[in-house]
């Protein structure tokens, strides 16, 4: 599915429930942080990725969807397309170097 189709469906969902007044950037950023912590919670006490059960992987997909939904709502408020700002960041990162020491 394309971004424009998804964001339109999300906007309709939000507006049908009268949530637009609550969807400020600061509120969306807080919700995003909470959902990101739900992603992290799935990995609590795991030693590696292979420790995830099928149910946990399904839950991870749902939590990632929540994170993306809030990111999409924030992009809508900023009037930017996610893929555009991702490409901008990729271009910045191409000029950066990271050193990982042991």
Protein backbone atom coordinates (compact mmCIF):
# COMPACT_ATOMS: atom_id res chain seq x y z
CA UNK A 1 0.00 0.00 0.00
CA UNK A 2 1.19 3.48 -0.75
CA UNK A 3 1.77 6.14 1.87
CA UNK A 4 -0.97 8.44 0.50
CA UNK A 5 -3.56 5.68 0.80
CA UNK A 6 -2.50 4.73 4.33
CA UNK A 7 -2.31 8.29 5.63
CA UNK A 8 -5.74 9.05 4.20
CA UNK A 9 -7.17 6.03 6.02
CA UNK A 10 -5.43 7.08 9.24
CA UNK A 11 -6.75 10.64 8.93
CA UNK A 12 -10.29 9.37 8.37
CA UNK A 13 -9.94 7.04 11.37
CA UNK A 14 -8.68 9.91 13.55
CA UNK A 15 -11.28 12.40 12.35
CA UNK A 16 -14.19 9.95 12.69
CA UNK A 17 -13.32 9.69 16.38
CA UNK A 18 -12.75 13.41 16.92
CA UNK A 19 -9.13 12.90 17.92
CA UNK A 20 -7.56 15.59 15.75
CA UNK A 21 -7.56 18.14 18.59
CA UNK A 22 -5.44 15.71 20.64
CA UNK A 23 -3.01 14.99 17.82
CA UNK A 24 -0.53 17.75 18.49
CA UNK A 25 3.11 17.11 17.75
CA UNK A 26 3.97 16.99 21.45
CA UNK A 27 1.15 14.53 22.22
CA UNK A 28 2.04 12.37 19.23
CA UNK A 29 5.71 12.35 20.28
CA UNK A 30 4.72 11.15 23.75
CA UNK A 31 2.52 8.43 22.29
CA UNK A 32 5.35 7.43 19.95
CA UNK A 33 7.72 7.07 22.91
CA UNK A 34 5.23 4.90 24.77
CA UNK A 35 4.71 2.66 21.76
CA UNK A 36 8.47 2.41 21.19
CA UNK A 37 8.83 1.21 24.78
CA UNK A 38 6.22 -1.47 24.01
CA UNK A 39 8.55 -2.69 21.25
CA UNK A 40 11.41 -2.79 23.75
CA UNK A 41 9.28 -4.62 26.31
CA UNK A 42 8.94 -7.58 23.94
CA UNK A 43 12.73 -8.06 24.17
CA UNK A 44 12.89 -7.80 27.96
CA UNK A 45 15.10 -10.56 29.37
CA UNK A 46 15.86 -11.99 25.90
CA UNK A 47 19.45 -12.83 25.05
CA UNK A 48 19.03 -12.59 21.28
CA UNK A 49 16.53 -12.32 18.44
CA UNK A 50 16.09 -16.07 18.15
CA UNK A 51 14.56 -16.12 21.65
CA UNK A 52 11.34 -14.61 20.30
CA UNK A 53 8.35 -16.94 20.09
CA UNK A 54 5.90 -16.80 17.19
CA UNK A 55 3.41 -14.99 19.41
CA UNK A 56 6.07 -12.44 20.41
CA UNK A 57 6.92 -11.86 16.74
CA UNK A 58 3.25 -11.25 16.01
CA UNK A 59 3.07 -8.81 18.93
CA UNK A 60 6.23 -7.12 17.66
CA UNK A 61 4.60 -6.53 14.28
CA UNK A 62 1.59 -4.91 15.95
CA UNK A 63 3.77 -2.69 18.14
CA UNK A 64 5.85 -1.65 15.13
CA UNK A 65 2.62 -0.75 13.37
CA UNK A 66 1.68 1.47 16.33
CA UNK A 67 5.07 3.19 16.15
CA UNK A 68 4.72 3.76 12.41
CA UNK A 69 1.18 5.06 12.80
CA UNK A 70 2.33 7.76 15.21
CA UNK A 71 5.26 8.58 12.91
CA UNK A 72 2.84 8.92 10.01
CA UNK A 73 0.55 11.19 12.03
CA UNK A 74 3.56 13.35 12.92
CA UNK A 75 4.61 13.53 9.27
CA UNK A 76 1.08 14.60 8.36
CA UNK A 77 1.23 17.39 10.95
CA UNK A 78 4.64 18.49 9.62
CA UNK A 79 3.38 18.22 6.04
CA UNK A 80 6.24 15.97 4.97
CA UNK A 81 6.31 12.57 3.34
CA UNK A 82 8.13 9.89 5.38
CA UNK A 83 10.11 8.53 2.44
CA UNK A 84 11.38 12.00 1.60
CA UNK A 85 12.74 12.67 5.08
CA UNK A 86 14.18 9.15 5.24
CA UNK A 87 16.02 9.79 1.97
CA UNK A 88 17.29 13.10 3.34
CA UNK A 89 18.64 11.29 6.41
CA UNK A 90 20.22 8.54 4.29
CA UNK A 91 22.00 11.23 2.28
CA UNK A 92 23.31 12.82 5.50
CA UNK A 93 24.42 9.46 6.88
CA UNK A 94 26.35 8.63 3.70
CA UNK A 95 28.76 11.42 4.64
CA UNK A 96 29.20 10.21 8.22
CA UNK A 97 31.49 7.60 9.69
CA UNK A 98 30.98 5.56 12.82
CA UNK A 99 33.67 3.78 14.74
CA UNK A 100 32.66 0.76 16.73
CA UNK A 101 35.33 -0.40 19.13
CA UNK A 102 35.48 -3.50 21.23
